[in-house]
Amino acid sequence: LIARLSSSDRMPDHKQHKKIDLSTNQVSSMLEKHSLETLQSCDPIYGNLMNSNFEITTVSGDQFILKVQHKAGGHSLTNDYIVSQCLKDRLPIAPYQILDTDLDVISYPFLLSSKLPGELGCFAYEKSDHAGRLAIARGLGQTLAAIHSLETDGAGLKNLDTRHFMKMIEDLLCAPDIRSSIEGMRPGFHERLKELSVVLDRAAHEDPPTLIWRDPFFYNMLV
């Protein structure tokens, strides 16, 4: 059900988020290095705020998603790869995945994955009826539960400092121009936020590390 930007559907009005250009020779060299078939086309996938993403099609019709970590400190493809391996027995994950950090074909790490079938959840949600939208929301919740229930201690992932995470949330939601609006819509919200902070602080010391999906939105899932 879930894959990160694994569709050829373009996110609207975000063409400025394509970060780099790749030549045909560069993409062909990637495929050749990993014993894949000859390149037929390579199209950019717009809308992702982190890496540069492309949809690749070979002459036989096989399709792949290419993610390029185009700048130091960007969204970690190594983490993407590790998380995918952790989840492969729980969720539909691209069966073919190659993480290349050699920097010999291009000067950036890249992740090459087979493309999963499906449509971006945000588009499917927009054109679904009430029952369809409930099913999509239920699928998102089930996916989120599968991710958050997976312990990752020893998997090679950096543990998130939940206290730092809560500070970011509080800084964002407690700004004067936002606080009054939130309280108007949801009285008592900030008191609940303080309670959540206490719970997370306790969990950081008592519970084993688990995966946290930080952006569980319809545009980050396939249906």
Protein backbone atom coordinates (compact mmCIF):
# COMPACT_ATOMS: atom_id res chain seq x y z
CA LEU A 1 0.00 0.00 0.00
CA ILE A 2 2.87 2.37 0.71
CA ALA A 3 5.76 3.69 -1.32
CA ARG A 4 7.43 7.04 -1.38
CA LEU A 5 6.72 8.84 -4.65
CA SER A 6 6.72 5.58 -6.58
CA SER A 7 4.26 6.75 -9.20
CA SER A 8 4.71 8.53 -12.51
CA ASP A 9 1.87 10.87 -11.53
CA ARG A 10 3.22 14.39 -11.25
CA MET A 11 2.50 16.45 -8.18
CA PRO A 12 0.94 19.68 -9.53
CA ASP A 13 2.68 23.06 -9.55
CA HIS A 14 5.95 21.91 -7.98
CA LYS A 15 8.37 21.82 -10.92
CA GLN A 16 10.81 23.97 -8.98
CA HIS A 17 11.50 20.95 -6.78
CA LYS A 18 13.41 19.02 -9.40
CA LYS A 19 16.97 19.49 -8.19
CA ILE A 20 19.37 18.16 -10.83
CA ASP A 21 19.50 17.01 -14.44
CA LEU A 22 20.90 13.63 -15.47
CA SER A 23 22.18 12.82 -18.92
CA THR A 24 21.11 9.74 -20.85
CA ASN A 25 24.68 8.44 -20.61
CA GLN A 26 24.70 8.79 -16.82
CA VAL A 27 21.43 6.90 -16.35
CA SER A 28 22.50 4.26 -18.88
CA SER A 29 25.74 3.77 -16.93
CA MET A 30 23.74 3.25 -13.72
CA LEU A 31 21.67 0.52 -15.35
CA GLU A 32 24.71 -1.10 -16.94
CA LYS A 33 26.63 -1.11 -13.66
CA HIS A 34 23.83 -3.06 -11.97
CA SER A 35 23.24 -5.43 -14.90
CA LEU A 36 19.88 -3.97 -15.90
CA GLU A 37 18.51 -3.60 -19.41
CA THR A 38 19.07 -0.71 -21.81
CA LEU A 39 17.47 2.63 -21.03
CA GLN A 40 14.45 3.73 -23.02
CA SER A 41 13.37 6.85 -21.10
CA CYS A 42 14.08 8.80 -17.93
CA ASP A 43 11.50 11.34 -16.75
CA PRO A 44 11.78 13.59 -13.70
CA ILE A 45 9.20 13.21 -10.93
CA TYR A 46 8.31 16.64 -9.63
CA GLY A 47 7.08 17.64 -6.21
CA ASN A 48 9.49 15.93 -3.83
CA LEU A 49 11.05 18.47 -1.47
CA MET A 50 14.14 16.43 -0.61
CA ASN A 51 15.91 14.40 -3.28
CA SER A 52 15.83 14.44 -7.08
CA ASN A 53 13.54 11.64 -8.29
CA PHE A 54 13.16 10.10 -11.74
CA GLU A 55 11.06 7.41 -13.39
CA ILE A 56 13.09 5.08 -15.57
CA THR A 57 11.77 2.73 -18.26
CA THR A 58 13.92 0.11 -20.00
CA VAL A 59 13.52 -1.17 -23.55
CA SER A 60 11.68 -4.24 -22.22
CA GLY A 61 9.16 -2.07 -20.38
CA ASP A 62 10.51 -2.59 -16.85
CA GLN A 63 10.07 0.52 -14.72
CA PHE A 64 12.20 1.83 -11.87
CA ILE A 65 12.24 4.80 -9.52
CA LEU A 66 15.60 6.55 -9.21
CA LYS A 67 16.19 8.74 -6.16
CA VAL A 68 19.34 10.86 -6.08
CA GLN A 69 20.62 12.42 -2.86
CA HIS A 70 21.86 15.53 -4.57
CA LYS A 71 23.30 17.46 -1.62
CA ALA A 72 25.17 16.67 1.57
CA GLY A 73 22.88 16.60 4.56
CA GLY A 74 19.84 15.92 2.42
CA HIS A 75 17.21 13.27 3.01
CA SER A 76 19.16 10.07 3.66
CA LEU A 77 18.80 7.36 1.04
CA THR A 78 20.69 5.03 3.36
CA ASN A 79 17.87 5.43 5.89
CA ASP A 80 15.30 4.85 3.14
CA TYR A 81 17.02 1.61 2.20
CA ILE A 82 17.36 0.38 5.80
CA VAL A 83 13.71 1.19 6.57
CA SER A 84 12.57 -0.64 3.43
CA GLN A 85 14.49 -3.74 4.47
CA CYS A 86 12.98 -3.55 7.96
CA LEU A 87 9.45 -3.34 6.55
CA LYS A 88 9.66 -5.83 3.69
CA ASP A 89 7.88 -8.56 5.68
CA ARG A 90 5.10 -6.20 6.82
CA LEU A 91 4.26 -3.98 3.85
CA PRO A 92 4.43 -4.12 0.04
CA ILE A 93 7.95 -2.87 -0.64
CA ALA A 94 9.69 -2.63 -4.02
CA PRO A 95 11.24 -6.10 -4.50
CA TYR A 96 14.32 -4.78 -6.31
CA GLN A 97 16.37 -2.14 -4.49
CA ILE A 98 19.95 -1.07 -5.04
CA LEU A 99 21.65 1.55 -2.88
CA ASP A 100 24.76 2.86 -4.61
CA THR A 101 27.09 5.09 -2.59
CA ASP A 102 30.24 4.54 -4.68
CA LEU A 103 30.04 7.95 -6.45
CA ASP A 104 31.70 6.44 -9.52
CA VAL A 105 28.82 6.90 -12.01
CA ILE A 106 27.54 10.22 -10.69
CA SER A 107 28.85 12.30 -7.82
CA TYR A 108 25.83 11.59 -5.60
CA PRO A 109 24.46 8.51 -3.80
CA PHE A 110 21.42 7.04 -5.50
CA LEU A 111 18.71 4.47 -4.77
CA LEU A 112 17.26 2.46 -7.63
CA SER A 113 14.00 0.62 -6.94
CA SER A 114 11.51 -1.28 -9.04
CA LYS A 115 8.32 0.74 -9.48
CA LEU A 116 5.28 -0.44 -7.56
CA PRO A 117 1.87 -0.32 -9.28
CA GLY A 118 -0.76 2.09 -8.06
CA GLU A 119 -1.89 5.69 -7.96
CA LEU A 120 -0.84 8.40 -5.55
CA GLY A 121 -3.25 8.35 -2.62
CA CYS A 122 -4.00 12.08 -2.83
CA PHE A 123 -5.33 11.71 -6.38
CA ALA A 124 -7.27 8.55 -5.55
CA TYR A 125 -8.81 10.27 -2.51
CA GLU A 126 -9.95 13.30 -4.52
CA LYS A 127 -11.97 11.22 -6.98
CA SER A 128 -13.29 8.58 -4.54
CA ASP A 129 -16.73 8.48 -2.97
CA HIS A 130 -17.24 8.46 0.80
CA ALA A 131 -16.71 4.70 1.13
CA GLY A 132 -13.57 4.88 -0.99
CA ARG A 133 -12.14 7.70 1.10
CA LEU A 134 -12.79 5.77 4.29
CA ALA A 135 -10.96 2.77 2.81
CA ILE A 136 -7.97 4.91 1.85
CA ALA A 137 -7.86 6.51 5.31
CA ARG A 138 -8.13 3.06 6.92
CA GLY A 139 -5.26 1.80 4.76
CA LEU A 140 -3.12 4.78 5.76
CA GLY A 141 -3.84 4.08 9.43
CA GLN A 142 -2.99 0.39 9.07
CA THR A 143 0.26 1.29 7.30
CA LEU A 144 1.12 3.78 10.02
CA ALA A 145 0.47 1.15 12.71
CA ALA A 146 2.70 -1.37 10.92
CA ILE A 147 5.53 1.15 10.77
CA HIS A 148 5.23 2.43 14.33
CA SER A 149 5.09 -1.07 15.81
CA LEU A 150 8.45 -2.08 14.35
CA GLU A 151 11.35 -1.99 16.80
CA THR A 152 14.55 -0.77 15.15
CA ASP A 153 17.20 -1.11 17.83
CA GLY A 154 20.37 -2.29 16.10
CA ALA A 155 19.06 -1.66 12.57
CA GLY A 156 21.62 1.07 11.91
CA LEU A 157 19.19 3.99 12.14
CA LYS A 158 19.85 7.09 14.20
CA ASN A 159 17.42 7.32 17.09
CA LEU A 160 15.25 10.43 17.23
CA ASP A 161 15.49 12.55 20.36
CA THR A 162 11.78 12.87 21.15
CA ARG A 163 12.42 15.87 23.39
CA HIS A 164 13.97 17.72 20.45
CA PHE A 165 11.07 16.63 18.27
CA MET A 166 8.52 17.97 20.74
CA LYS A 167 10.38 21.28 20.98
CA MET A 168 10.06 21.71 17.22
CA ILE A 169 6.33 20.96 17.43
CA GLU A 170 5.83 23.36 20.32
CA ASP A 171 7.81 26.13 18.61
CA LEU A 172 5.65 25.72 15.53
CA LEU A 173 2.24 25.46 17.19
CA CYS A 174 2.76 27.92 20.02
CA ALA A 175 3.71 30.93 17.88
CA PRO A 176 1.47 33.88 18.84
CA ASP A 177 -0.15 34.15 15.40
CA ILE A 178 -1.07 30.45 15.43
CA ARG A 179 -1.83 29.76 19.09
CA SER A 180 -5.05 31.78 19.25
CA SER A 181 -6.36 30.24 16.04
CA ILE A 182 -5.71 26.72 17.32
CA GLU A 183 -7.33 27.45 20.67
CA GLY A 184 -10.35 28.84 18.85
CA MET A 185 -10.77 25.64 16.89
CA ARG A 186 -9.71 23.21 19.60
CA PRO A 187 -9.95 24.52 23.18
CA GLY A 188 -7.43 22.86 25.48
CA PHE A 189 -5.17 21.81 22.60
CA HIS A 190 -1.97 23.21 24.12
CA GLU A 191 -2.64 21.57 27.47
CA ARG A 192 -2.94 18.24 25.66
CA LEU A 193 0.30 19.05 23.87
CA LYS A 194 2.07 19.45 27.21
CA GLU A 195 0.69 16.08 28.34
CA LEU A 196 1.99 14.49 25.14
CA SER A 197 5.42 15.98 25.76
CA VAL A 198 5.57 14.34 29.19
CA VAL A 199 4.51 10.96 27.74
CA LEU A 200 7.12 11.14 24.97
CA ASP A 201 9.84 12.14 27.40
CA ARG A 202 9.03 9.10 29.55
CA ALA A 203 8.87 6.83 26.50
CA ALA A 204 12.30 7.99 25.37
CA HIS A 205 13.76 6.39 28.49
CA GLU A 206 11.52 3.36 28.91
CA ASP A 207 10.51 2.05 25.49
CA PRO A 208 12.69 0.46 22.78
CA PRO A 209 13.30 2.55 19.62
CA THR A 210 10.62 2.18 16.95
CA LEU A 211 10.16 3.60 13.49
CA ILE A 212 8.31 6.91 13.23
CA TRP A 213 6.75 7.92 9.93
CA ARG A 214 7.04 11.70 10.10
CA ASP A 215 4.92 12.58 7.05
CA PRO A 216 1.99 10.13 6.84
CA PHE A 217 0.03 11.88 4.10
CA PHE A 218 -2.00 10.57 1.16
CA TYR A 219 0.62 11.83 -1.31
CA ASN A 220 3.18 9.51 0.29
CA MET A 221 1.20 6.31 -0.32
CA LEU A 222 -0.01 4.27 -3.27
CA VAL A 223 -3.45 2.73 -3.61
